[in-house]
Every structure is written in C-alpha cells, then in structure tokens.
C-alpha cells in the first residue's frame, strides 16, 4: 500500500500496547480507524485519544476468539466506512510460564482461541473484501516465539508458530493468485507492553478453579536485569513505525530488533544439520546470557 488517506484500518488488540500504537500511526497518515479490543473501558479511552488526532474512529468491543464477534467486527467496519483496506490481526495473550505438564486445558484453549483463531477469524472475515478490491494488506502479529521455542511457553509458542505459518500460507496463496493484496508477518522481540498481565482478560468460562501462576525461574531473573531490560525493550511506537514502513514497501517479514537473530539462525542450522535444537534456560536467555 502506498496511499493511506481516507482508507480504513482495522486493528485488533488496540486498547493498549502495539495495537494502540498502530492505530495512532495509521491515524497520522489519514486513515479511518476501527479499534477492536476485549477491554471496553480501556478501548473507549484509547479510541478518544486516537480520534483527537483528527480522524474518524469506531471502537468495537471484540473477543477475537469468538467467530460471531469477529463477524460483528466486519459488519461494524463496513457499516461505518465500507470495506477495510488494512487489517492488523494483533490481539494476543500469554498463558502462565510453567512446565507444560502443569498447564490446564483452559490455559491451552484460551491462548489458542486468541492467538491462533483470532488470526484465522480475521482472515476469514476481511480477506474476501481485500481480494475483491485487489488492494490492501493483512498484518499478522506473530512473535520471535513463532521462530524459536523457548521453555515454559508451550501454548504461546504453539500459537505463534501457527501465526507465522498462517501468514506464510496467506502470502503464498496471494502470490499464486497474482493478487495485489500483501501479507506481512510481524515477529516482535522484547516490546514494552502489558501482555504479561493478559490474565486480566481471560473469560470466566476458561478460568480454572485454582489458577496456574507463572514460575519466576521460568522468566529468568528479571529483577536483576531491570535496567538492561528497559534499555533493550522496544517501544510500541517504534514497532508501529516498522509496520507502516513494511506495508509501504510490501515487505513480508517485520523484525523489531536483532537480539533473537542468532537464536533463530541456530535453530535453522539444527534443522539443516538434523541435530537437536538449541536450548535456552529461560524465555529471557537470548537477552541476558552471553
């Protein structure tokens, strides 16, 4: 996409973090904005802030894991602005960071509903109108966790590997069809968002009677590295700039930083050499071990 003025962007998970930064970035280039999130109060506040940038904004409370809710998001978008031009499937959650045998069925279902089916539903709802116009872009928020497999993140890793596969498959299908619609795969590393507290949004029906809690050892010694973490974590605004640039350039892979690059390359070498994959001690390992 080259021209954004007066066109429409839909962003899921946009009440805070990267999604909100995307909404602000697209608003600054003159797009109408549809903001979707499960947190109603935060969404209203965020939407008011984006609207203050001088564009039309429609907030839609949406559980992206619910197919009917995503259908409603599509209808709300078309009712307000007509078909979408840019769709950012960004909503995401993270289950407790614990050994996988301790995870409950609800831990798995909640993570996959949001991180995997939220993407699948979004493509089902919005892709037909993009293809009909033969214009537009779909940005899938995956993660470096979709390119590596750190311990104690089994549901998150699985969902993000799936998100990468969906984005790659979408790219292949669009290229084979000769479509002008572009697919993009965002693989953030460390970004200063509140995904670590996403339990606040877990639906009641997927809450366990005795909830699992993250294991501090699984996350690594964050307190000891707090100052370094602040230095290396990307801001949501910086990520939004990279996303906008990638959409303009038609670039598929969107990287936020280089900290995981060596880890990703080591994994690829292990596949090529048919050796065991490299093993990290915690989810923070690429950042804080030399």
Protein backbone atom coordinates (compact mmCIF):
# COMPACT_ATOMS: atom_id res chain seq x y z
CA UNK A 1 0.00 0.00 0.00
CA UNK A 2 1.22 3.46 -0.88
CA UNK A 3 -1.80 5.71 -0.36
CA UNK A 4 -3.49 5.76 3.07
CA UNK A 5 -5.55 8.97 3.13
CA UNK A 6 -9.25 8.26 3.68
CA UNK A 7 -8.79 4.49 3.73
CA UNK A 8 -9.70 2.21 6.63
CA UNK A 9 -7.54 0.26 9.06
CA UNK A 10 -8.85 -2.39 11.43
CA UNK A 11 -6.67 -3.25 14.42
CA UNK A 12 -7.43 -5.95 16.98
CA UNK A 13 -5.96 -5.69 20.46
CA UNK A 14 -5.80 -1.92 20.06
CA UNK A 15 -6.75 -0.62 23.51
CA UNK A 16 -3.11 -0.58 24.56
CA UNK A 17 0.42 -1.55 23.60
CA UNK A 18 1.36 -2.18 19.99
CA UNK A 19 -2.24 -2.17 18.76
CA UNK A 20 -2.82 1.32 20.11
CA UNK A 21 0.47 2.48 18.60
CA UNK A 22 -0.62 1.04 15.24
CA UNK A 23 -3.92 2.94 15.45
CA UNK A 24 -2.11 6.20 16.21
CA UNK A 25 0.41 5.64 13.42
CA UNK A 26 -2.26 4.92 10.81
CA UNK A 27 -4.32 7.87 12.02
CA UNK A 28 -1.38 10.18 11.41
CA UNK A 29 -1.37 9.19 7.72
CA UNK A 30 -5.08 9.96 7.45
CA UNK A 31 -6.77 6.58 7.78
CA UNK A 32 -10.16 5.89 9.31
CA UNK A 33 -9.59 3.61 12.30
CA UNK A 34 -11.60 0.68 13.62
CA UNK A 35 -10.27 -0.32 17.03
CA UNK A 36 -11.17 -3.73 18.45
CA UNK A 37 -10.39 -4.97 21.94
CA UNK A 38 -11.98 -7.02 24.71
CA UNK A 39 -11.39 -4.32 27.37
CA UNK A 40 -14.30 -1.92 26.95
CA UNK A 41 -13.21 0.93 29.23
CA UNK A 42 -9.62 0.93 28.01
CA UNK A 43 -10.86 0.78 24.42
CA UNK A 44 -13.09 3.83 24.86
CA UNK A 45 -10.22 5.82 26.36
CA UNK A 46 -7.80 4.74 23.65
CA UNK A 47 -10.29 5.49 20.88
CA UNK A 48 -10.84 9.01 22.21
CA UNK A 49 -7.10 9.61 22.12
CA UNK A 50 -6.81 8.42 18.51
CA UNK A 51 -9.85 10.44 17.47
CA UNK A 52 -8.11 13.52 18.85
CA UNK A 53 -5.59 13.10 16.02
CA UNK A 54 -8.32 14.29 13.66
CA UNK A 55 -9.61 11.08 12.11
CA UNK A 56 -12.81 9.05 12.37
CA UNK A 57 -12.58 6.22 14.89
CA UNK A 58 -15.00 3.39 15.65
CA UNK A 59 -14.31 1.28 18.77
CA UNK A 60 -15.78 -2.23 18.75
CA UNK A 61 -15.62 -4.44 21.84
CA UNK A 62 -14.49 -7.76 20.42
CA UNK A 63 -13.45 -11.19 21.69
CA UNK A 64 -11.30 -12.20 18.73
CA UNK A 65 -11.54 -15.88 19.66
CA UNK A 66 -15.30 -15.77 19.08
CA UNK A 67 -16.23 -16.26 15.42
CA UNK A 68 -19.53 -14.39 15.77
CA UNK A 69 -17.80 -11.45 17.48
CA UNK A 70 -15.37 -11.21 14.58
CA UNK A 71 -18.25 -11.35 12.12
CA UNK A 72 -19.74 -8.40 14.00
CA UNK A 73 -16.43 -6.54 13.77
CA UNK A 74 -16.53 -6.93 9.99
CA UNK A 75 -20.11 -5.69 9.84
CA UNK A 76 -19.35 -2.71 12.08
CA UNK A 77 -16.42 -1.79 9.85
CA UNK A 78 -18.45 -1.95 6.65
CA UNK A 79 -21.34 -0.03 8.22
CA UNK A 80 -19.03 2.78 9.29
CA UNK A 81 -16.55 3.05 6.43
CA UNK A 82 -17.16 0.35 3.85
CA UNK A 83 -14.66 -2.48 3.24
CA UNK A 84 -11.35 -2.34 5.08
CA UNK A 85 -8.02 -1.68 3.39
CA UNK A 86 -5.52 -2.59 6.13
CA UNK A 87 -6.15 -5.31 8.71
CA UNK A 88 -3.83 -5.81 11.68
CA UNK A 89 -4.55 -9.07 13.50
CA UNK A 90 -2.69 -8.12 16.62
CA UNK A 91 -4.61 -9.29 19.71
CA UNK A 92 -2.59 -11.66 21.85
CA UNK A 93 -2.35 -13.24 25.29
CA UNK A 94 0.16 -15.35 27.17
CA UNK A 95 -0.64 -18.29 29.44
CA UNK A 96 1.33 -18.86 32.66
CA UNK A 97 5.04 -19.55 32.12
CA UNK A 98 5.25 -23.02 33.64
CA UNK A 99 6.30 -26.53 32.54
CA UNK A 100 3.79 -27.78 30.02
CA UNK A 101 2.57 -30.76 32.05
CA UNK A 102 1.25 -28.28 34.59
CA UNK A 103 -0.84 -26.40 32.06
CA UNK A 104 -4.60 -26.90 32.12
CA UNK A 105 -6.85 -27.47 29.14
CA UNK A 106 -8.20 -23.98 29.74
CA UNK A 107 -4.68 -22.50 29.54
CA UNK A 108 -4.29 -24.05 26.10
CA UNK A 109 -7.76 -23.18 24.84
CA UNK A 110 -7.63 -19.54 25.91
CA UNK A 111 -4.22 -18.94 24.32
CA UNK A 112 -5.11 -20.69 21.07
CA UNK A 113 -8.53 -19.04 20.85
CA UNK A 114 -6.98 -15.58 20.91
CA UNK A 115 -3.58 -16.02 19.27
CA UNK A 116 -4.50 -18.59 16.62
CA UNK A 117 -8.22 -18.44 15.96
CA UNK A 118 -8.26 -14.66 16.32
CA UNK A 119 -5.98 -14.56 13.27
CA UNK A 120 -7.94 -17.22 11.39
CA UNK A 121 -11.27 -15.49 12.03
CA UNK A 122 -9.84 -12.14 10.96
CA UNK A 123 -8.61 -13.51 7.65
CA UNK A 124 -11.94 -15.24 7.02
CA UNK A 125 -13.89 -12.05 7.71
CA UNK A 126 -11.74 -9.42 5.98
CA UNK A 127 -9.72 -11.12 3.25
CA UNK A 128 -12.59 -11.58 0.76
CA UNK A 129 -13.19 -7.81 0.52
CA UNK A 130 -9.47 -7.08 0.17
CA UNK A 131 -9.21 -9.63 -2.64
CA UNK A 132 -12.37 -8.32 -4.30
CA UNK A 133 -10.81 -4.85 -4.48
CA UNK A 134 -7.38 -6.36 -5.30
CA UNK A 135 -5.80 -3.93 -2.86
CA UNK A 136 -4.81 -3.84 0.76
CA UNK A 137 -2.69 -5.52 3.39
CA UNK A 138 -3.01 -8.03 6.23
CA UNK A 139 -0.50 -7.77 9.09
CA UNK A 140 -0.32 -10.83 11.37
CA UNK A 141 1.30 -10.23 14.74
CA UNK A 142 3.30 -13.36 15.46
CA UNK A 143 6.43 -13.25 17.63
CA UNK A 144 10.02 -14.37 17.82
CA UNK A 145 8.33 -17.19 19.76
CA UNK A 146 6.98 -18.26 16.37
CA UNK A 147 10.54 -18.69 15.09
CA UNK A 148 12.09 -20.22 18.21
CA UNK A 149 10.81 -22.46 21.01
CA UNK A 150 11.75 -21.27 24.45
CA UNK A 151 10.91 -23.38 27.51
CA UNK A 152 7.82 -22.78 29.66
CA UNK A 153 5.87 -21.06 26.86
CA UNK A 154 4.26 -24.05 25.19
CA UNK A 155 0.81 -22.60 24.34
CA UNK A 156 2.27 -19.24 23.36
CA UNK A 157 5.00 -20.85 21.24
CA UNK A 158 2.49 -23.13 19.53
CA UNK A 159 0.10 -20.27 18.78
CA UNK A 160 2.83 -18.03 17.40
CA UNK A 161 4.38 -20.76 15.26
CA UNK A 162 0.86 -21.21 13.89
CA UNK A 163 0.54 -17.48 13.27
CA UNK A 164 3.78 -17.49 11.28
CA UNK A 165 2.55 -20.47 9.26
CA UNK A 166 -0.77 -18.75 8.56
CA UNK A 167 0.99 -15.58 7.41
CA UNK A 168 3.37 -17.54 5.16
CA UNK A 169 0.49 -19.56 3.72
CA UNK A 170 -1.51 -16.41 3.09
CA UNK A 171 1.48 -14.85 1.33
CA UNK A 172 1.87 -17.94 -0.87
CA UNK A 173 -1.80 -18.01 -1.81
CA UNK A 174 -1.87 -14.31 -2.67
CA UNK A 175 1.28 -14.57 -4.80
CA UNK A 176 -0.05 -17.64 -6.62
CA UNK A 177 -3.27 -15.79 -7.38
CA UNK A 178 -1.39 -12.76 -8.70
CA UNK A 179 -3.15 -10.59 -6.12
CA UNK A 180 -2.04 -7.09 -5.21
CA UNK A 181 -3.06 -7.76 -1.60
CA UNK A 182 0.01 -8.19 0.59
CA UNK A 183 0.60 -10.28 3.70
CA UNK A 184 3.03 -9.29 6.44
CA UNK A 185 4.37 -11.20 9.45
CA UNK A 186 5.38 -9.15 12.48
CA UNK A 187 7.72 -11.04 14.83
CA UNK A 188 8.33 -8.77 17.82
CA UNK A 189 11.08 -9.49 20.29
CA UNK A 190 11.03 -7.64 23.57
CA UNK A 191 8.46 -4.82 23.47
CA UNK A 192 7.23 -2.76 26.41
CA UNK A 193 3.57 -3.86 26.53
CA UNK A 194 1.26 -5.29 29.18
CA UNK A 195 0.89 -8.78 27.64
CA UNK A 196 2.45 -10.13 30.83
CA UNK A 197 -0.78 -9.23 32.65
CA UNK A 198 -3.14 -10.59 30.00
CA UNK A 199 -4.73 -12.95 32.57
CA UNK A 200 -6.95 -9.97 33.42
CA UNK A 201 -8.82 -10.65 30.17
CA UNK A 202 -9.30 -14.40 30.45
CA UNK A 203 -13.03 -15.24 30.07
CA UNK A 204 -14.69 -16.64 33.18
CA UNK A 205 -15.59 -19.87 31.42
CA UNK A 206 -11.90 -20.52 30.74
CA UNK A 207 -10.70 -19.71 34.25
CA UNK A 208 -9.62 -22.61 36.44
CA UNK A 209 -10.83 -23.07 40.00
CA UNK A 210 -7.20 -22.94 41.09
CA UNK A 211 -5.38 -20.76 38.58
CA UNK A 212 -1.84 -21.56 37.49
CA UNK A 213 0.73 -18.92 38.25
CA UNK A 214 3.90 -18.20 36.30
CA UNK A 215 7.12 -19.66 37.67
CA UNK A 216 9.57 -16.81 38.39
CA UNK A 217 12.52 -19.05 37.45
CA UNK A 218 10.97 -19.70 34.05
CA UNK A 219 11.04 -15.97 33.29
CA UNK A 220 14.67 -15.64 34.34
CA UNK A 221 15.93 -13.12 36.88
CA UNK A 222 14.11 -10.08 35.52
CA UNK A 223 14.62 -8.00 38.63
CA UNK A 224 18.38 -8.37 38.36
CA UNK A 225 18.26 -7.16 34.77
CA UNK A 226 15.56 -4.50 35.04
CA UNK A 227 17.83 -1.67 33.91
CA UNK A 228 19.09 -3.67 30.91
CA UNK A 229 15.54 -4.69 30.02
CA UNK A 230 14.46 -1.04 29.89
CA UNK A 231 17.37 -0.29 27.55
CA UNK A 232 16.65 -3.08 25.07
CA UNK A 233 12.84 -3.25 25.07
CA UNK A 234 11.33 -1.61 22.01
CA UNK A 235 8.55 0.92 22.40
CA UNK A 236 5.21 0.19 20.75
CA UNK A 237 5.65 3.41 18.75
CA UNK A 238 8.95 2.14 17.31
CA UNK A 239 7.27 -1.11 16.28
CA UNK A 240 4.40 0.81 14.67
CA UNK A 241 6.90 2.76 12.55
CA UNK A 242 8.39 -0.52 11.32
CA UNK A 243 4.95 -1.90 10.49
CA UNK A 244 3.95 1.17 8.49
CA UNK A 245 7.24 1.07 6.58
CA UNK A 246 6.83 -2.64 5.80
CA UNK A 247 3.30 -2.11 4.48
CA UNK A 248 4.52 0.71 2.23
CA UNK A 249 7.42 -1.40 0.97
CA UNK A 250 5.42 -4.61 0.64
CA UNK A 251 7.92 -6.38 2.92
CA UNK A 252 6.73 -9.68 4.44
CA UNK A 253 8.97 -10.11 7.50
CA UNK A 254 8.87 -7.36 10.12
CA UNK A 255 11.57 -7.59 12.78
CA UNK A 256 11.66 -5.33 15.83
CA UNK A 257 15.23 -5.97 16.98
CA UNK A 258 18.22 -8.23 16.35
CA UNK A 259 18.53 -9.84 19.78
CA UNK A 260 16.95 -13.13 18.75
CA UNK A 261 18.57 -13.31 15.31
CA UNK A 262 21.40 -15.62 16.39
CA UNK A 263 18.94 -17.91 18.17
CA UNK A 264 16.76 -18.15 15.07
CA UNK A 265 19.77 -18.88 12.88
CA UNK A 266 20.96 -21.58 15.30
CA UNK A 267 17.56 -23.25 15.12
CA UNK A 268 17.63 -23.21 11.32
CA UNK A 269 21.14 -24.73 11.33
CA UNK A 270 19.93 -27.50 13.62
CA UNK A 271 17.16 -28.33 11.14
CA UNK A 272 19.57 -28.33 8.22
CA UNK A 273 22.08 -30.50 10.10
CA UNK A 274 19.40 -32.71 11.64
CA UNK A 275 20.69 -32.05 15.15
CA UNK A 276 18.84 -31.25 18.35
CA UNK A 277 17.61 -27.66 18.57
CA UNK A 278 19.50 -25.17 20.75
CA UNK A 279 18.11 -24.92 24.28
CA UNK A 280 17.69 -21.76 26.32
CA UNK A 281 17.38 -21.76 30.10
CA UNK A 282 14.54 -19.27 30.24
CA UNK A 283 12.45 -17.03 28.00
CA UNK A 284 14.93 -14.21 28.67
CA UNK A 285 18.00 -16.19 27.70
CA UNK A 286 18.90 -14.52 24.38
CA UNK A 287 18.88 -11.16 26.10
CA UNK A 288 20.75 -11.73 29.32
CA UNK A 289 23.20 -14.57 28.74
CA UNK A 290 26.37 -14.07 26.77
